[in-house]
N, C-alpha and C. Protein backbone atom coordinates (compact mmCIF):
# COMPACT_ATOMS: atom_id res chain seq x y z
N MET A 1 0.78 -1.24 0.07
CA MET A 1 0.16 -0.07 -0.08
C MET A 1 0.72 1.14 0.23
N LEU A 2 0.47 2.25 -0.35
CA LEU A 2 1.14 3.39 -0.87
C LEU A 2 1.56 3.68 0.89
N SER A 3 0.22 3.86 1.64
CA SER A 3 0.43 4.63 2.97
C SER A 3 2.13 3.88 4.00
N GLU A 4 2.07 2.46 3.48
CA GLU A 4 2.97 1.77 4.25
C GLU A 4 4.90 1.89 3.43
N ILE A 5 4.04 2.60 2.38
CA ILE A 5 5.65 2.78 1.00
C ILE A 5 5.68 4.31 1.81
N VAL A 6 5.15 5.26 1.62
CA VAL A 6 5.57 6.97 2.31
C VAL A 6 5.81 6.80 3.91
N GLU A 7 5.15 5.28 4.45
CA GLU A 7 5.43 5.66 6.46
C GLU A 7 7.22 4.63 6.14
N ILE A 8 7.64 3.69 5.39
CA ILE A 8 8.82 3.35 5.47
C ILE A 8 9.90 4.14 5.10
N PHE A 9 9.77 4.96 4.03
CA PHE A 9 10.12 5.71 3.78
C PHE A 9 10.62 7.21 4.05
N GLU A 10 9.72 7.15 4.91
CA GLU A 10 9.82 8.12 5.98
C GLU A 10 10.80 7.89 7.32
N ASN A 11 10.34 6.88 7.82
CA ASN A 11 10.97 5.90 8.91
C ASN A 11 12.78 6.07 9.03
N TYR A 12 12.99 5.79 7.46
CA TYR A 12 14.77 5.56 7.48
C TYR A 12 15.10 6.60 6.71
N GLY A 13 14.46 7.80 6.81
CA GLY A 13 15.04 8.91 5.62
C GLY A 13 15.28 8.52 4.26
N PHE A 14 15.10 8.08 3.75
CA PHE A 14 15.20 7.99 1.69
C PHE A 14 14.82 8.85 1.15
N GLU A 15 15.90 9.63 0.94
CA GLU A 15 15.66 10.72 -0.30
C GLU A 15 15.47 10.55 -1.62
N THR A 16 13.39 9.87 -1.36
CA THR A 16 12.83 9.88 -2.73
C THR A 16 11.66 10.71 -3.23
N GLU A 17 11.31 10.98 -4.45
CA GLU A 17 9.32 11.10 -4.33
C GLU A 17 8.77 9.97 -4.57
N ILE A 18 8.26 9.39 -4.56
CA ILE A 18 6.72 8.42 -4.48
C ILE A 18 5.78 8.95 -5.12
N ILE A 19 5.75 8.03 -6.67
CA ILE A 19 4.95 7.76 -7.47
C ILE A 19 3.77 7.12 -7.32
N ALA A 20 2.52 7.72 -7.38
CA ALA A 20 1.27 6.98 -7.55
C ALA A 20 0.98 7.00 -8.94
N ALA A 21 1.08 5.41 -9.74
CA ALA A 21 0.91 5.83 -11.04
C ALA A 21 -0.57 5.22 -12.15
N SER A 22 -1.14 5.89 -12.66
CA SER A 22 -2.28 5.19 -13.42
C SER A 22 -3.39 5.57 -12.37
N ILE A 23 -3.96 6.43 -11.91
CA ILE A 23 -4.87 6.69 -10.77
C ILE A 23 -6.06 6.81 -11.29
N ARG A 24 -6.98 6.53 -11.19
CA ARG A 24 -8.39 6.13 -11.87
C ARG A 24 -9.54 7.30 -11.23
N HIS A 25 -9.20 7.37 -9.92
CA HIS A 25 -10.67 8.46 -9.50
C HIS A 25 -10.48 9.50 -8.76
N PRO A 26 -11.04 10.55 -8.99
CA PRO A 26 -10.01 11.79 -8.13
C PRO A 26 -10.25 11.71 -6.40
N MET A 27 -11.00 10.50 -6.02
CA MET A 27 -10.76 10.27 -4.26
C MET A 27 -9.26 9.83 -4.72
N HIS A 28 -8.82 8.54 -4.98
CA HIS A 28 -7.64 8.50 -5.17
C HIS A 28 -6.40 9.38 -5.21
N VAL A 29 -6.77 10.58 -6.01
CA VAL A 29 -5.84 11.40 -5.90
C VAL A 29 -5.53 11.94 -4.53
N LEU A 30 -6.50 12.09 -4.51
CA LEU A 30 -6.65 12.69 -2.86
C LEU A 30 -6.71 12.45 -1.76
N ASN A 31 -6.81 10.97 -1.73
CA ASN A 31 -5.82 10.22 -0.66
C ASN A 31 -4.49 10.07 -0.57
N ALA A 32 -4.12 9.91 -2.24
CA ALA A 32 -2.75 9.95 -2.04
C ALA A 32 -1.83 10.87 -1.80
N ALA A 33 -2.24 12.05 -2.15
CA ALA A 33 -2.00 13.57 -1.64
C ALA A 33 -2.10 13.26 0.20
N LEU A 34 -3.25 13.11 0.87
CA LEU A 34 -3.16 13.06 2.50
C LEU A 34 -1.89 12.22 2.42
N ILE A 35 -1.81 11.28 2.38
CA ILE A 35 -1.02 10.44 2.77
C ILE A 35 0.29 10.40 2.52
N GLY A 36 0.57 11.71 1.53
CA GLY A 36 2.21 11.81 1.20
C GLY A 36 2.84 11.55 0.04
N VAL A 37 2.10 10.66 -1.14
CA VAL A 37 2.61 10.76 -2.24
C VAL A 37 2.87 12.22 -2.92
N ASP A 38 4.54 11.87 -3.57
CA ASP A 38 4.61 13.18 -4.17
C ASP A 38 4.16 13.58 -5.55
N ILE A 39 3.46 12.59 -6.66
CA ILE A 39 3.32 12.74 -7.72
C ILE A 39 2.29 11.37 -8.03
N VAL A 40 1.79 11.97 -8.86
CA VAL A 40 0.78 11.54 -9.60
C VAL A 40 0.32 11.08 -10.92
N THR A 41 0.03 9.83 -11.03
CA THR A 41 0.20 9.92 -12.66
C THR A 41 -2.09 9.27 -13.13
N MET A 42 -2.33 10.29 -13.83
CA MET A 42 -4.09 9.89 -14.83
C MET A 42 -4.11 9.99 -15.56
N PRO A 43 -4.70 9.43 -15.97
CA PRO A 43 -5.94 9.84 -17.48
C PRO A 43 -6.34 11.52 -16.88
N PHE A 44 -6.58 11.86 -18.40
CA PHE A 44 -7.03 13.65 -18.04
C PHE A 44 -8.48 13.47 -18.17
N ASP A 45 -9.63 13.08 -17.83
CA ASP A 45 -10.56 12.71 -17.67
C ASP A 45 -10.65 12.89 -15.90
N VAL A 46 -9.84 12.27 -15.15
CA VAL A 46 -9.72 12.51 -14.15
C VAL A 46 -9.13 13.63 -13.10
N LEU A 47 -7.99 14.25 -14.29
CA LEU A 47 -7.37 15.67 -14.04
C LEU A 47 -8.94 16.24 -14.17
N GLU A 48 -9.62 16.66 -14.86
CA GLU A 48 -11.11 17.49 -15.34
C GLU A 48 -11.70 17.30 -14.24
N LYS A 49 -11.90 16.36 -13.59
CA LYS A 49 -12.76 15.79 -13.14
C LYS A 49 -12.71 16.56 -11.39
N LEU A 50 -11.27 16.74 -11.07
CA LEU A 50 -10.57 17.49 -9.82
C LEU A 50 -11.42 18.37 -9.59
N PHE A 51 -11.53 19.27 -11.02
CA PHE A 51 -11.53 20.75 -11.18
C PHE A 51 -13.26 20.77 -11.73
N LYS A 52 -14.04 19.68 -11.30
CA LYS A 52 -14.97 20.18 -11.74
C LYS A 52 -16.17 19.28 -10.99
N HIS A 53 -16.80 20.20 -9.58
CA HIS A 53 -17.85 19.93 -8.81
C HIS A 53 -18.88 20.40 -8.48
N PRO A 54 -20.41 19.59 -9.04
CA PRO A 54 -21.03 20.39 -8.58
C PRO A 54 -21.76 21.15 -8.17
N MET A 55 -21.16 21.04 -6.36
CA MET A 55 -21.22 21.77 -5.23
C MET A 55 -19.87 23.35 -5.85
N THR A 56 -19.74 22.82 -6.50
CA THR A 56 -18.65 23.99 -6.39
C THR A 56 -19.22 25.13 -7.60
N ASP A 57 -20.29 24.34 -8.83
CA ASP A 57 -20.66 25.08 -9.34
C ASP A 57 -21.95 25.84 -9.19
N ILE A 58 -22.09 25.05 -8.19
CA ILE A 58 -23.47 26.12 -7.13
C ILE A 58 -22.66 27.17 -6.55
N GLY A 59 -21.56 26.63 -5.46
CA GLY A 59 -21.43 27.73 -5.11
C GLY A 59 -20.78 29.38 -5.97
N ILE A 60 -20.01 28.60 -7.42
CA ILE A 60 -20.02 29.82 -8.35
C ILE A 60 -21.51 30.41 -8.61
N LYS A 61 -21.96 30.08 -9.33
CA LYS A 61 -23.31 30.99 -9.84
C LYS A 61 -23.77 31.17 -8.52
N LYS A 62 -23.85 31.04 -7.14
CA LYS A 62 -24.98 31.81 -6.17
C LYS A 62 -23.80 33.04 -5.12
N PHE A 63 -22.72 32.97 -5.62
CA PHE A 63 -21.75 33.68 -5.51
C PHE A 63 -21.52 34.63 -6.59
N SER A 64 -21.73 34.39 -7.30
CA SER A 64 -22.06 35.43 -9.30
C SER A 64 -23.41 36.12 -8.67
N GLN A 65 -24.83 35.50 -8.53
CA GLN A 65 -25.60 36.29 -8.01
C GLN A 65 -25.90 37.10 -7.10
N ASP A 66 -25.30 36.99 -6.13
CA ASP A 66 -24.97 37.74 -4.92
C ASP A 66 -24.41 38.84 -5.39
N TRP A 67 -22.69 38.74 -5.99
CA TRP A 67 -22.23 39.86 -6.38
C TRP A 67 -23.11 40.86 -7.20
N GLU A 68 -23.53 39.89 -8.21
CA GLU A 68 -24.19 41.31 -8.99
C GLU A 68 -26.04 42.20 -8.42
N ASN A 69 -26.10 41.21 -7.42
CA ASN A 69 -27.42 41.95 -6.33
C ASN A 69 -26.61 43.13 -5.31
N TYR A 70 -25.28 42.88 -5.35
CA TYR A 70 -25.11 43.49 -3.94
C TYR A 70 -24.07 45.21 -5.76
N ILE A 71 -24.06 44.48 -6.48
CA ILE A 71 -23.37 46.24 -7.30
C ILE A 71 -24.70 46.89 -7.85
N LYS A 72 -25.42 45.85 -7.92
CA LYS A 72 -27.28 46.22 -8.36
C LYS A 72 -27.58 47.51 -6.75
N LYS A 73 -27.50 47.26 -5.84
CA LYS A 73 -27.69 47.50 -4.88
C LYS A 73 -26.85 48.86 -4.58
N ILE A 74 -26.12 48.93 -4.33
CA ILE A 74 -24.92 50.10 -4.29
C ILE A 74 -24.81 51.26 -5.92
N LYS A 75 -24.98 50.46 -6.37
CA LYS A 75 -25.28 51.64 -8.05
C LYS A 75 -26.75 52.33 -7.61
N SER A 76 -27.77 51.50 -6.47
CA SER A 76 -29.37 52.71 -6.50
C SER A 76 -29.25 53.33 -5.62
């Protein structure tokens, strides 16, 4: 497991970078980062999914509406 590899390398002070190859899901990218993996390789569609999330889109839309309302308010 990646977590064990990270722990072993840290325990012995090995100077290296750990690569997780061929990650297939955005949550696996997150998990790899959380345990200390230095580099991940992934298909482009997984990379795109890291930047797109329904809640992010909803948040951006809400923020934009609030901003427009604020601008209208201060102009009146």
